[in-house]
Amino acid sequence: MIFLLDTVLGLFSLALLLRFYVQWSRIPYYHPVTRFLVTVTDFVVRPARRVIPSWRGLDLSTFVLAWLAQFIVLVGINLLAGSGASVSVFAFSLLALVKLAVMTLDILFIMIIVQAVMSWINPHSPLAPVLESFTGPILEPLRRFIPPIANLDLSPLVALILLQVLMMVVENLQRQIVHMF
């Protein structure tokens, strides 16, 4: 049961989080990636939008739903594991937020790798603009300071190292939250 709960709600939370970032980065609505994410998550996002308003163009309802799915996963795993109510609701709330941060860093890590590989194999793929809109805000500042060497862009490598450091910091934060509560 723990595996099913973590897998199903974890993937659903990932889809919600990706939908949030797709809308934030203004990827066209008719792109196949966007259509897939909207189709999978629309049944819960539309009713939530009536209750949770947008803020400065950000679809907060989608983000809150992703957080809620992670919260349910954490509480469900805790209950199914027999830990009972040993952790407070506030701790689960913080852990769900940290889990979304970990998922965000994982998404960026994977997208940077896929973008780098696709730039060598098929730079004109229909997925290339989507990847560029996600990774551009991270890679562009690095490209200003790290010029290409022999026509090879090293900014993805530096971004991956920085993301790995951030992942270690966030995982340490997660351990500290668990130990606090």
Protein backbone atom coordinates (compact mmCIF):
# COMPACT_ATOMS: atom_id res chain seq x y z
CA MET A 1 0.00 0.00 0.00
CA ILE A 2 2.84 2.39 0.81
CA PHE A 3 4.37 1.77 -2.62
CA LEU A 4 1.07 2.39 -4.41
CA LEU A 5 0.31 5.52 -2.41
CA ASP A 6 3.78 6.94 -2.98
CA THR A 7 3.81 6.06 -6.67
CA VAL A 8 0.32 7.16 -7.67
CA LEU A 9 0.10 10.34 -5.61
CA GLY A 10 3.77 11.09 -6.17
CA LEU A 11 3.32 10.97 -9.95
CA PHE A 12 0.15 13.04 -9.67
CA SER A 13 2.00 15.61 -7.57
CA LEU A 14 4.77 15.65 -10.18
CA ALA A 15 2.21 16.27 -12.93
CA LEU A 16 0.70 19.15 -10.93
CA LEU A 17 4.12 20.64 -10.25
CA LEU A 18 5.08 20.35 -13.93
CA ARG A 19 1.79 22.00 -14.89
CA PHE A 20 2.60 24.87 -12.52
CA TYR A 21 6.04 25.33 -14.11
CA VAL A 22 4.68 24.99 -17.66
CA GLN A 23 2.22 27.79 -16.97
CA TRP A 24 4.88 29.86 -15.20
CA SER A 25 7.32 29.57 -18.11
CA ARG A 26 4.54 30.38 -20.61
CA ILE A 27 4.86 27.28 -22.74
CA PRO A 28 2.12 27.40 -25.41
CA TYR A 29 -1.15 25.76 -24.42
CA TYR A 30 -1.28 23.60 -27.55
CA HIS A 31 2.14 22.03 -27.07
CA PRO A 32 1.76 18.25 -26.56
CA VAL A 33 3.48 18.36 -23.15
CA THR A 34 1.11 21.07 -21.95
CA ARG A 35 -1.94 19.28 -23.32
CA PHE A 36 -0.93 16.06 -21.54
CA LEU A 37 -0.43 17.80 -18.20
CA VAL A 38 -3.71 19.71 -18.51
CA THR A 39 -5.62 16.56 -19.44
CA VAL A 40 -4.21 14.57 -16.52
CA THR A 41 -4.72 17.26 -13.87
CA ASP A 42 -7.67 19.36 -15.06
CA PHE A 43 -10.30 17.41 -13.12
CA VAL A 44 -8.90 18.69 -9.82
CA VAL A 45 -7.37 22.02 -10.89
CA ARG A 46 -10.55 23.58 -12.29
CA PRO A 47 -12.58 23.24 -9.07
CA ALA A 48 -9.59 24.38 -7.01
CA ARG A 49 -9.27 27.57 -9.06
CA ARG A 50 -12.68 28.63 -7.78
CA VAL A 51 -11.32 28.55 -4.22
CA ILE A 52 -7.61 29.39 -4.65
CA PRO A 53 -6.96 32.52 -6.73
CA SER A 54 -4.02 33.18 -8.99
CA TRP A 55 -1.35 35.57 -7.83
CA ARG A 56 0.67 37.74 -10.25
CA GLY A 57 0.06 35.31 -13.09
CA LEU A 58 1.02 32.24 -11.05
CA ASP A 59 -1.53 29.46 -10.83
CA LEU A 60 -1.39 28.98 -7.06
CA SER A 61 -4.17 26.40 -7.10
CA THR A 62 -1.96 23.99 -9.04
CA PHE A 63 0.96 24.54 -6.66
CA VAL A 64 -1.23 24.14 -3.58
CA LEU A 65 -2.68 20.92 -5.01
CA ALA A 66 0.84 19.57 -5.64
CA TRP A 67 1.72 20.43 -2.04
CA LEU A 68 -1.49 18.80 -0.79
CA ALA A 69 -0.75 15.60 -2.72
CA GLN A 70 2.71 15.45 -1.13
CA PHE A 71 1.20 16.15 2.28
CA ILE A 72 -1.25 13.24 1.82
CA VAL A 73 1.60 10.97 0.71
CA LEU A 74 3.67 11.81 3.79
CA VAL A 75 0.76 11.43 6.22
CA GLY A 76 -0.40 8.23 4.50
CA ILE A 77 3.04 6.65 4.61
CA ASN A 78 3.39 7.62 8.26
CA LEU A 79 0.04 6.07 9.13
CA LEU A 80 0.55 2.93 7.04
CA ALA A 81 4.01 2.42 8.53
CA GLY A 82 2.42 2.38 11.96
CA SER A 83 4.16 5.48 13.26
CA GLY A 84 0.84 6.93 14.36
CA ALA A 85 0.69 10.62 15.12
CA SER A 86 4.34 10.97 16.10
CA VAL A 87 4.90 13.88 13.72
CA SER A 88 2.88 17.11 13.82
CA VAL A 89 0.77 18.51 11.02
CA PHE A 90 3.15 21.49 10.84
CA ALA A 91 6.09 19.13 10.30
CA PHE A 92 4.23 17.29 7.53
CA SER A 93 3.41 20.66 5.94
CA LEU A 94 7.07 21.68 5.96
CA LEU A 95 8.21 18.28 4.73
CA ALA A 96 5.71 18.44 1.85
CA LEU A 97 7.14 21.84 0.87
CA VAL A 98 10.69 20.48 1.05
CA LYS A 99 9.62 17.48 -1.03
CA LEU A 100 8.33 19.88 -3.71
CA ALA A 101 11.69 21.65 -3.64
CA VAL A 102 13.46 18.29 -4.11
CA MET A 103 11.13 17.45 -7.00
CA THR A 104 11.82 20.85 -8.58
CA LEU A 105 15.57 20.32 -8.37
CA ASP A 106 15.18 16.81 -9.82
CA ILE A 107 13.08 18.18 -12.69
CA LEU A 108 15.71 20.82 -13.48
CA PHE A 109 18.54 18.28 -13.20
CA ILE A 110 16.87 15.87 -15.63
CA MET A 111 15.86 18.62 -18.05
CA ILE A 112 19.39 20.03 -18.21
CA ILE A 113 20.79 16.57 -18.97
CA VAL A 114 18.14 15.87 -21.61
CA GLN A 115 18.67 19.30 -23.17
CA ALA A 116 22.44 18.79 -23.34
CA VAL A 117 22.09 15.36 -24.94
CA MET A 118 19.42 16.57 -27.38
CA SER A 119 21.61 19.52 -28.40
CA TRP A 120 24.14 16.98 -29.68
CA ILE A 121 21.65 14.54 -31.22
CA ASN A 122 18.69 16.60 -32.47
CA PRO A 123 18.84 20.31 -31.59
CA HIS A 124 15.69 21.08 -33.62
CA SER A 125 13.42 18.67 -31.78
CA PRO A 126 9.90 19.88 -30.87
CA LEU A 127 10.88 19.34 -27.23
CA ALA A 128 13.85 21.72 -27.46
CA PRO A 129 11.84 24.96 -26.92
CA VAL A 130 10.13 23.45 -23.87
CA LEU A 131 13.45 22.44 -22.35
CA GLU A 132 14.99 25.82 -23.17
CA SER A 133 12.14 27.69 -21.49
CA PHE A 134 12.62 25.60 -18.34
CA THR A 135 16.41 25.66 -18.20
CA GLY A 136 17.04 29.08 -19.76
CA PRO A 137 16.65 31.08 -16.54
CA ILE A 138 19.38 28.92 -14.96
CA LEU A 139 21.74 28.49 -17.89
CA GLU A 140 21.68 32.03 -19.32
CA PRO A 141 23.35 33.72 -16.33
CA LEU A 142 25.99 30.98 -16.30
CA ARG A 143 26.61 31.41 -20.04
CA ARG A 144 27.49 35.07 -19.43
CA PHE A 145 30.35 34.05 -17.14
CA ILE A 146 31.41 30.76 -18.77
CA PRO A 147 32.18 31.19 -22.46
CA PRO A 148 32.09 28.16 -24.76
CA ILE A 149 35.41 26.34 -24.97
CA ALA A 150 36.14 24.93 -28.44
CA ASN A 151 32.45 25.49 -29.28
CA LEU A 152 31.39 23.38 -26.27
CA ASP A 153 28.97 24.92 -23.79
CA LEU A 154 30.06 24.04 -20.24
CA SER A 155 27.24 25.94 -18.51
CA PRO A 156 25.07 22.78 -18.19
CA LEU A 157 27.91 21.03 -16.36
CA VAL A 158 28.29 23.94 -13.92
CA ALA A 159 24.50 24.10 -13.47
CA LEU A 160 24.39 20.38 -12.67
CA ILE A 161 27.11 20.80 -10.04
CA LEU A 162 25.27 23.74 -8.47
CA LEU A 163 21.98 21.82 -8.52
CA GLN A 164 23.68 18.88 -6.82
CA VAL A 165 24.93 21.19 -4.06
CA LEU A 166 21.40 22.62 -3.67
CA MET A 167 20.02 19.07 -3.47
CA MET A 168 22.40 18.30 -0.61
CA VAL A 169 21.32 21.45 1.22
CA VAL A 170 17.62 20.67 0.78
CA GLU A 171 18.07 17.04 1.86
CA ASN A 172 19.93 18.26 4.96
CA LEU A 173 17.03 20.62 5.67
CA GLN A 174 14.64 17.69 5.31
CA ARG A 175 16.63 15.65 7.86
CA GLN A 176 16.68 18.60 10.27
CA ILE A 177 12.89 18.99 10.04
CA VAL A 178 12.40 15.29 10.76
CA HIS A 179 14.73 15.46 13.79
CA MET A 180 13.07 18.64 15.10
CA PHE A 181 9.66 17.06 15.21
